[in-house]
Structure formats: structure tokens, C-alpha cells
Amino acid sequence: MKFLADFFPVILFFVAYKLYGIYIATAVAIASSVVQVAYGWLRKGHVEKMHLITFGILLVFGGLTILLQDRTFIMWKPSVINWLFGAVFLASQYIGKKPLVQRMMESSISVPYPVWRKLNLTWSLFFILLGFLNLYVANDFFIAEQQLIEITGLQQIDFDNCGQHFQGSELEMCNTAHTLEEDWVNFKLFGMMGLTLGFIVLQAFYLARHITENELEGA
């Protein structure tokens, strides 16, 4: 349930994008993140740092997307967030007595300290790679957008209404770019959520193996 709650703004972004396009979807994501933070504060008396960091970055990059009518910012946002999380997990390997993943999970799971360090480093690498993967998917759109800008001379392109602005090869290029944008939106929800869920499952198997070993040694 918490996993879905963490992806709440992303899910609403996906739904709003399919109905109204990327700029309305960005505004919806910002609003849903405000609700997420407010709900945590009202119910628990505090806000999870992950939600607060995500909200701050979303407010900056989403705000720039809407203000400048440039979707580049919102497409970079997942990479920035994942790299920041990766850096925080990595820094906790060397700062403080416990790695971050241990501080988050040790109240419910007990495993040896070296296991926590390995798992923490793995989470750091996962976030960093996920950030690069997001850019890899988004880059195809960036290339298609730049090619259309160079050909048409336009600085802002309405990819949601290609047929109203272009004809012939330019229309085909616009439709291709819009499809690539949709591919990124689909990846943002299904790809990132699926990879994260899969990683959590692998983590559970990894921890279970060490928990079992500890119980056998203590028996």
C-alpha cells in the first residue's frame, strides 16, 4: 500500500497526461504532491523526507515546465530525484554509524552489518542507474524535438495537436516526437514502478536468506 502511495503523484500525472497533455499533467502532479505532503503531516505529524525532497524538486522542475512551456524540465526531474537519492544512500555508507537502509529497516529486520552495507550500496547504484535509464528513454524525444525545431524554426511546438500546425514530413516528425513523449510517460509509470517493485522483491529474497542463516546460527 505504501509503495502505491509513494507513486501517487506519478499515477495521477499519467492519468492527466492521457486526458489533457503534459502541462496539465505536470500541474496535477504538483497538486497531488502537495496533498501527499499535507496528508502525511496531518495524519502522522511529520512528513517523510523522501516525499518532501520529491515535492521540492517537482515544484522547481514542474514549475519551470509550466512557466516556460518546456517539457524538458519535467522529463529531467525523475533523473535528478533518483541521482539525489542515490547520492544520499552512498553518502550514508561513510557518514554516520549506520547506512541509510539500515536506519530505515532495522526496526523490523535484523541482519549483520556487512549485509546492510551491501544492500545500501545496491540501492545507491539502483537509483543512479534508474536516473540514467530515464534520460536514455527521454533522449529519443529530445532528439526528435530538436530536429523539428531546426526544420521549422519554431521554439515551442504543440505536440498534442500536430495536425493543426504541420503537414507532410513535418507532421510525420511531430507525430513521431509525440509518440516518443508518450513512450517516456509510459516508462515513467510502468517502467520505473515495475523496476522498483522488482528490486524490492529481490531485496526481500536477499534479506530472507540472511535472516534464515542468522536464525540457524542462533539455534
C-alpha atoms as a PDB file:
ATOM      1  CA  MET A   1       0.000   0.000   0.000  1.00  0.00           C
ATOM      2  CA  LYS A   2       2.831   2.392   0.897  1.00  0.00           C
ATOM      3  CA  PHE A   3       4.502   1.546  -2.412  1.00  0.00           C
ATOM      4  CA  LEU A   4       1.435   2.816  -4.302  1.00  0.00           C
ATOM      5  CA  ALA A   5       1.219   5.858  -2.044  1.00  0.00           C
ATOM      6  CA  ASP A   6       4.806   6.778  -2.935  1.00  0.00           C
ATOM      7  CA  PHE A   7       3.862   6.662  -6.635  1.00  0.00           C
ATOM      8  CA  PHE A   8       0.621   8.617  -6.093  1.00  0.00           C
ATOM      9  CA  PRO A   9       1.752  11.789  -7.955  1.00  0.00           C
ATOM     10  CA  VAL A  10       3.201   9.690 -10.790  1.00  0.00           C
ATOM     11  CA  ILE A  11      -0.044   7.765 -11.242  1.00  0.00           C
ATOM     12  CA  LEU A  12      -2.109  10.964 -11.364  1.00  0.00           C
ATOM     13  CA  PHE A  13       0.430  12.509 -13.742  1.00  0.00           C
ATOM     14  CA  PHE A  14      -0.052   9.533 -16.080  1.00  0.00           C
ATOM     15  CA  VAL A  15      -3.858   9.765 -15.998  1.00  0.00           C
ATOM     16  CA  ALA A  16      -3.867  13.549 -16.520  1.00  0.00           C
ATOM     17  CA  TYR A  17      -1.374  13.257 -19.374  1.00  0.00           C
ATOM     18  CA  LYS A  18      -3.574  10.787 -21.237  1.00  0.00           C
ATOM     19  CA  LEU A  19      -6.544  13.144 -20.857  1.00  0.00           C
ATOM     20  CA  TYR A  20      -5.097  16.654 -21.116  1.00  0.00           C
ATOM     21  CA  GLY A  21      -1.419  16.606 -22.108  1.00  0.00           C
ATOM     22  CA  ILE A  22       1.879  17.135 -20.348  1.00  0.00           C
ATOM     23  CA  TYR A  23       1.410  20.650 -18.957  1.00  0.00           C
ATOM     24  CA  ILE A  24      -1.889  19.930 -17.205  1.00  0.00           C
ATOM     25  CA  ALA A  25      -0.388  16.626 -16.046  1.00  0.00           C
ATOM     26  CA  THR A  26       2.545  18.491 -14.529  1.00  0.00           C
ATOM     27  CA  ALA A  27       0.196  20.802 -12.620  1.00  0.00           C
ATOM     28  CA  VAL A  28      -1.763  17.768 -11.398  1.00  0.00           C
ATOM     29  CA  ALA A  29       1.460  16.103 -10.239  1.00  0.00           C
ATOM     30  CA  ILE A  30       2.420  19.197  -8.244  1.00  0.00           C
ATOM     31  CA  ALA A  31      -1.052  19.408  -6.669  1.00  0.00           C
ATOM     32  CA  SER A  32      -1.063  15.698  -5.792  1.00  0.00           C
ATOM     33  CA  SER A  33       2.386  16.037  -4.218  1.00  0.00           C
ATOM     34  CA  VAL A  34       1.038  18.890  -2.066  1.00  0.00           C
ATOM     35  CA  VAL A  35      -1.806  16.580  -0.968  1.00  0.00           C
ATOM     36  CA  GLN A  36       0.686  13.792  -0.267  1.00  0.00           C
ATOM     37  CA  VAL A  37       2.833  16.026   1.946  1.00  0.00           C
ATOM     38  CA  ALA A  38      -0.174  17.585   3.714  1.00  0.00           C
ATOM     39  CA  TYR A  39      -1.724  14.172   4.374  1.00  0.00           C
ATOM     40  CA  GLY A  40       1.473  12.892   5.950  1.00  0.00           C
ATOM     41  CA  TRP A  41       1.722  15.960   8.152  1.00  0.00           C
ATOM     42  CA  LEU A  42      -1.895  15.861   9.293  1.00  0.00           C
ATOM     43  CA  ARG A  43      -2.001  12.113   9.915  1.00  0.00           C
ATOM     44  CA  LYS A  44       1.465  11.456  11.335  1.00  0.00           C
ATOM     45  CA  GLY A  45       2.590  14.871  12.489  1.00  0.00           C
ATOM     46  CA  HIS A  46       5.610  14.742  10.189  1.00  0.00           C
ATOM     47  CA  VAL A  47       6.455  14.365   6.501  1.00  0.00           C
ATOM     48  CA  GLU A  48       8.654  11.617   5.119  1.00  0.00           C
ATOM     49  CA  LYS A  49      11.913  13.075   3.864  1.00  0.00           C
ATOM     50  CA  MET A  50      11.543  11.243   0.545  1.00  0.00           C
ATOM     51  CA  HIS A  51       8.149  12.867  -0.066  1.00  0.00           C
ATOM     52  CA  LEU A  52       9.455  16.285   0.974  1.00  0.00           C
ATOM     53  CA  ILE A  53      12.500  16.060  -1.314  1.00  0.00           C
ATOM     54  CA  THR A  54      10.371  14.819  -4.195  1.00  0.00           C
ATOM     55  CA  PHE A  55       7.913  17.675  -3.673  1.00  0.00           C
ATOM     56  CA  GLY A  56      10.676  20.282  -3.644  1.00  0.00           C
ATOM     57  CA  ILE A  57      12.252  19.025  -6.877  1.00  0.00           C
ATOM     58  CA  LEU A  58       8.850  18.581  -8.520  1.00  0.00           C
ATOM     59  CA  LEU A  59       7.880  22.134  -7.563  1.00  0.00           C
ATOM     60  CA  VAL A  60      11.045  23.545  -9.148  1.00  0.00           C
ATOM     61  CA  PHE A  61      11.162  21.434 -12.318  1.00  0.00           C
ATOM     62  CA  GLY A  62       7.387  21.261 -12.720  1.00  0.00           C
ATOM     63  CA  GLY A  63       7.074  24.988 -12.143  1.00  0.00           C
ATOM     64  CA  LEU A  64       9.697  25.703 -14.815  1.00  0.00           C
ATOM     65  CA  THR A  65       7.923  23.323 -17.200  1.00  0.00           C
ATOM     66  CA  ILE A  66       4.650  25.213 -16.847  1.00  0.00           C
ATOM     67  CA  LEU A  67       6.166  28.703 -16.695  1.00  0.00           C
ATOM     68  CA  LEU A  68       8.430  28.260 -19.730  1.00  0.00           C
ATOM     69  CA  GLN A  69       6.161  25.778 -21.530  1.00  0.00           C
ATOM     70  CA  ASP A  70       9.180  23.480 -21.868  1.00  0.00           C
ATOM     71  CA  ARG A  71       8.663  19.794 -21.094  1.00  0.00           C
ATOM     72  CA  THR A  72      12.428  19.225 -20.878  1.00  0.00           C
ATOM     73  CA  PHE A  73      12.394  20.155 -17.183  1.00  0.00           C
ATOM     74  CA  ILE A  74       9.722  17.662 -16.137  1.00  0.00           C
ATOM     75  CA  MET A  75      11.423  14.940 -18.177  1.00  0.00           C
ATOM     76  CA  TRP A  76      14.711  15.575 -16.363  1.00  0.00           C
ATOM     77  CA  LYS A  77      13.023  15.575 -12.941  1.00  0.00           C
ATOM     78  CA  PRO A  78      12.991  11.765 -12.369  1.00  0.00           C
ATOM     79  CA  SER A  79      16.716  11.591 -13.114  1.00  0.00           C
ATOM     80  CA  VAL A  80      17.531  14.405 -10.686  1.00  0.00           C
ATOM     81  CA  ILE A  81      15.448  12.797  -7.937  1.00  0.00           C
ATOM     82  CA  ASN A  82      16.968   9.352  -8.447  1.00  0.00           C
ATOM     83  CA  TRP A  83      20.511  10.728  -8.564  1.00  0.00           C
ATOM     84  CA  LEU A  84      19.886  12.680  -5.371  1.00  0.00           C
ATOM     85  CA  PHE A  85      18.558   9.584  -3.596  1.00  0.00           C
ATOM     86  CA  GLY A  86      21.494   7.582  -4.918  1.00  0.00           C
ATOM     87  CA  ALA A  87      23.931  10.194  -3.590  1.00  0.00           C
ATOM     88  CA  VAL A  88      22.233  10.231  -0.167  1.00  0.00           C
ATOM     89  CA  PHE A  89      22.382   6.437   0.136  1.00  0.00           C
ATOM     90  CA  LEU A  90      26.015   6.436  -0.999  1.00  0.00           C
ATOM     91  CA  ALA A  91      26.993   9.189   1.430  1.00  0.00           C
ATOM     92  CA  SER A  92      25.418   7.269   4.312  1.00  0.00           C
ATOM     93  CA  GLN A  93      27.958   4.492   3.656  1.00  0.00           C
ATOM     94  CA  TYR A  94      30.650   6.809   5.016  1.00  0.00           C
ATOM     95  CA  ILE A  95      28.782   9.366   7.133  1.00  0.00           C
ATOM     96  CA  GLY A  96      27.291   8.254  10.445  1.00  0.00           C
ATOM     97  CA  LYS A  97      27.389   4.902  12.174  1.00  0.00           C
ATOM     98  CA  LYS A  98      24.720   3.205  10.081  1.00  0.00           C
ATOM     99  CA  PRO A  99      23.938   3.180   6.364  1.00  0.00           C
ATOM    100  CA  LEU A 100      20.595   4.716   5.462  1.00  0.00           C
ATOM    101  CA  VAL A 101      18.858   1.447   4.557  1.00  0.00           C
ATOM    102  CA  GLN A 102      19.698   0.061   7.999  1.00  0.00           C
ATOM    103  CA  ARG A 103      18.188   3.101   9.730  1.00  0.00           C
ATOM    104  CA  MET A 104      15.046   2.634   7.669  1.00  0.00           C
ATOM    105  CA  MET A 105      14.585  -1.116   8.169  1.00  0.00           C
ATOM    106  CA  GLU A 106      16.412  -2.311  11.278  1.00  0.00           C
ATOM    107  CA  SER A 107      13.346  -1.895  13.499  1.00  0.00           C
ATOM    108  CA  SER A 108      11.654  -4.777  11.652  1.00  0.00           C
ATOM    109  CA  ILE A 109      14.592  -6.808  10.292  1.00  0.00           C
ATOM    110  CA  SER A 110      17.862  -7.892  11.882  1.00  0.00           C
ATOM    111  CA  VAL A 111      20.801  -8.848   9.670  1.00  0.00           C
ATOM    112  CA  PRO A 112      24.599  -8.465  10.023  1.00  0.00           C
ATOM    113  CA  TYR A 113      26.115  -5.034   9.472  1.00  0.00           C
ATOM    114  CA  PRO A 114      28.007  -6.042   6.277  1.00  0.00           C
ATOM    115  CA  VAL A 115      24.667  -7.092   4.764  1.00  0.00           C
ATOM    116  CA  TRP A 116      23.210  -3.654   5.450  1.00  0.00           C
ATOM    117  CA  ARG A 117      26.219  -2.009   3.784  1.00  0.00           C
ATOM    118  CA  LYS A 118      25.927  -4.178   0.683  1.00  0.00           C
ATOM    119  CA  LEU A 119      22.203  -3.569   0.439  1.00  0.00           C
ATOM    120  CA  ASN A 120      22.641   0.167   0.951  1.00  0.00           C
ATOM    121  CA  LEU A 121      25.263   0.349  -1.804  1.00  0.00           C
ATOM    122  CA  THR A 122      22.987  -1.643  -4.093  1.00  0.00           C
ATOM    123  CA  TRP A 123      20.137   0.822  -3.512  1.00  0.00           C
ATOM    124  CA  SER A 124      22.500   3.695  -4.307  1.00  0.00           C
ATOM    125  CA  LEU A 125      23.560   2.081  -7.592  1.00  0.00           C
ATOM    126  CA  PHE A 126      19.941   1.261  -8.428  1.00  0.00           C
ATOM    127  CA  PHE A 127      18.842   4.889  -8.057  1.00  0.00           C
ATOM    128  CA  ILE A 128      21.790   6.190 -10.074  1.00  0.00           C
ATOM    129  CA  LEU A 129      21.203   3.714 -12.910  1.00  0.00           C
ATOM    130  CA  LEU A 130      17.467   4.452 -12.880  1.00  0.00           C
ATOM    131  CA  GLY A 131      18.277   8.132 -13.345  1.00  0.00           C
ATOM    132  CA  PHE A 132      20.404   7.376 -16.405  1.00  0.00           C
ATOM    133  CA  LEU A 133      17.776   4.994 -17.762  1.00  0.00           C
ATOM    134  CA  ASN A 134      15.164   7.766 -17.578  1.00  0.00           C
ATOM    135  CA  LEU A 135      17.402  10.035 -19.657  1.00  0.00           C
ATOM    136  CA  TYR A 136      18.052   7.219 -22.114  1.00  0.00           C
ATOM    137  CA  VAL A 137      14.316   6.867 -22.724  1.00  0.00           C
ATOM    138  CA  ALA A 138      13.707  10.634 -22.822  1.00  0.00           C
ATOM    139  CA  ASN A 139      16.659  11.312 -25.122  1.00  0.00           C
ATOM    140  CA  ASP A 140      14.877   9.924 -28.196  1.00  0.00           C
ATOM    141  CA  PHE A 141      12.197  12.580 -27.704  1.00  0.00           C
ATOM    142  CA  PHE A 142      14.794  15.315 -27.151  1.00  0.00           C
ATOM    143  CA  ILE A 143      16.475  14.417 -30.454  1.00  0.00           C
ATOM    144  CA  ALA A 144      13.167  14.321 -32.365  1.00  0.00           C
ATOM    145  CA  GLU A 145      12.092  17.636 -30.831  1.00  0.00           C
ATOM    146  CA  GLN A 146      15.376  19.330 -31.719  1.00  0.00           C
ATOM    147  CA  GLN A 147      15.206  18.103 -35.309  1.00  0.00           C
ATOM    148  CA  LEU A 148      11.683  19.510 -35.685  1.00  0.00           C
ATOM    149  CA  ILE A 149      12.741  22.828 -34.143  1.00  0.00           C
ATOM    150  CA  GLU A 150      15.660  23.113 -36.564  1.00  0.00           C
ATOM    151  CA  ILE A 151      13.448  22.391 -39.589  1.00  0.00           C
ATOM    152  CA  THR A 152      10.505  24.612 -38.636  1.00  0.00           C
ATOM    153  CA  GLY A 153      12.350  27.406 -36.826  1.00  0.00           C
ATOM    154  CA  LEU A 154       9.767  27.245 -34.028  1.00  0.00           C
ATOM    155  CA  GLN A 155      10.940  27.396 -30.409  1.00  0.00           C
ATOM    156  CA  GLN A 156       7.781  25.881 -28.919  1.00  0.00           C
ATOM    157  CA  ILE A 157       5.881  23.045 -30.537  1.00  0.00           C
ATOM    158  CA  ASP A 158       2.389  21.850 -29.668  1.00  0.00           C
ATOM    159  CA  PHE A 159       2.927  18.100 -29.863  1.00  0.00           C
ATOM    160  CA  ASP A 160      -0.632  17.425 -28.701  1.00  0.00           C
ATOM    161  CA  ASN A 161      -2.079  18.985 -31.878  1.00  0.00           C
ATOM    162  CA  CYS A 162       0.401  18.174 -34.621  1.00  0.00           C
ATOM    163  CA  GLY A 163      -2.292  18.042 -37.309  1.00  0.00           C
ATOM    164  CA  GLN A 164      -3.290  21.661 -36.660  1.00  0.00           C
ATOM    165  CA  HIS A 165       0.204  23.046 -37.228  1.00  0.00           C
ATOM    166  CA  PHE A 166       2.059  20.818 -39.669  1.00  0.00           C
ATOM    167  CA  GLN A 167       1.703  18.949 -42.925  1.00  0.00           C
ATOM    168  CA  GLY A 168       3.704  16.374 -44.834  1.00  0.00           C
ATOM    169  CA  SER A 169       7.076  15.352 -43.436  1.00  0.00           C
ATOM    170  CA  GLU A 170       6.859  17.904 -40.617  1.00  0.00           C
ATOM    171  CA  LEU A 171       3.581  16.384 -39.479  1.00  0.00           C
ATOM    172  CA  GLU A 172       5.153  12.936 -39.528  1.00  0.00           C
ATOM    173  CA  MET A 173       8.090  14.188 -37.453  1.00  0.00           C
ATOM    174  CA  CYS A 174       5.736  15.859 -34.970  1.00  0.00           C
ATOM    175  CA  ASN A 175       3.671  12.681 -34.585  1.00  0.00           C
ATOM    176  CA  THR A 176       6.846  10.647 -34.096  1.00  0.00           C
ATOM    177  CA  ALA A 177       8.057  13.027 -31.378  1.00  0.00           C
ATOM    178  CA  HIS A 178       4.679  12.879 -29.665  1.00  0.00           C
ATOM    179  CA  THR A 179       4.809   9.074 -29.696  1.00  0.00           C
ATOM    180  CA  LEU A 180       8.269   9.192 -28.126  1.00  0.00           C
ATOM    181  CA  GLU A 181       6.917  11.527 -25.450  1.00  0.00           C
ATOM    182  CA  GLU A 182       4.135   9.015 -24.730  1.00  0.00           C
ATOM    183  CA  ASP A 183       6.747   6.269 -24.508  1.00  0.00           C
ATOM    184  CA  TRP A 184       8.560   8.270 -21.834  1.00  0.00           C
ATOM    185  CA  VAL A 185       5.343   8.850 -19.870  1.00  0.00           C
ATOM    186  CA  ASN A 186       4.584   5.114 -20.000  1.00  0.00           C
ATOM    187  CA  PHE A 187       8.101   4.323 -18.833  1.00  0.00           C
ATOM    188  CA  LYS A 188       7.829   6.892 -16.032  1.00  0.00           C
ATOM    189  CA  LEU A 189       4.916   4.956 -14.541  1.00  0.00           C
ATOM    190  CA  PHE A 190       5.134   1.328 -15.630  1.00  0.00           C
ATOM    191  CA  GLY A 191       8.872   1.095 -16.218  1.00  0.00           C
ATOM    192  CA  MET A 192      10.069   2.816 -13.073  1.00  0.00           C
ATOM    193  CA  MET A 193       7.352   1.309 -10.899  1.00  0.00           C
ATOM    194  CA  GLY A 194       8.000  -2.165 -12.301  1.00  0.00           C
ATOM    195  CA  LEU A 195      11.765  -1.910 -11.871  1.00  0.00           C
ATOM    196  CA  THR A 196      11.391  -0.589  -8.327  1.00  0.00           C
ATOM    197  CA  LEU A 197       8.928  -3.311  -7.387  1.00  0.00           C
ATOM    198  CA  GLY A 198      11.196  -5.960  -8.901  1.00  0.00           C
ATOM    199  CA  PHE A 199      14.162  -4.573  -6.984  1.00  0.00           C
ATOM    200  CA  ILE A 200      12.194  -4.656  -3.731  1.00  0.00           C
ATOM    201  CA  VAL A 201      11.270  -8.300  -4.352  1.00  0.00           C
ATOM    202  CA  LEU A 202      14.924  -9.195  -4.970  1.00  0.00           C
ATOM    203  CA  GLN A 203      15.841  -7.312  -1.799  1.00  0.00           C
ATOM    204  CA  ALA A 204      13.308  -9.360   0.161  1.00  0.00           C
ATOM    205  CA  PHE A 205      14.828 -12.618  -1.100  1.00  0.00           C
ATOM    206  CA  TYR A 206      18.313 -11.380  -0.263  1.00  0.00           C
ATOM    207  CA  LEU A 207      17.336 -10.369   3.268  1.00  0.00           C
ATOM    208  CA  ALA A 208      15.338 -13.553   3.842  1.00  0.00           C
ATOM    209  CA  ARG A 209      18.394 -15.647   3.059  1.00  0.00           C
ATOM    210  CA  HIS A 210      20.476 -13.838   5.658  1.00  0.00           C
ATOM    211  CA  ILE A 211      17.686 -13.791   8.229  1.00  0.00           C
ATOM    212  CA  THR A 212      17.334 -17.560   7.883  1.00  0.00           C
ATOM    213  CA  GLU A 213      21.086 -18.016   8.257  1.00  0.00           C
ATOM    214  CA  ASN A 214      21.087 -15.938  11.439  1.00  0.00           C
ATOM    215  CA  GLU A 215      18.250 -17.926  12.965  1.00  0.00           C
ATOM    216  CA  LEU A 216      20.008 -21.230  12.200  1.00  0.00           C
ATOM    217  CA  GLU A 217      23.260 -19.980  13.719  1.00  0.00           C
ATOM    218  CA  GLY A 218      21.463 -18.820  16.855  1.00  0.00           C
ATOM    219  CA  ALA A 219      19.505 -22.060  17.296  1.00  0.00           C
END
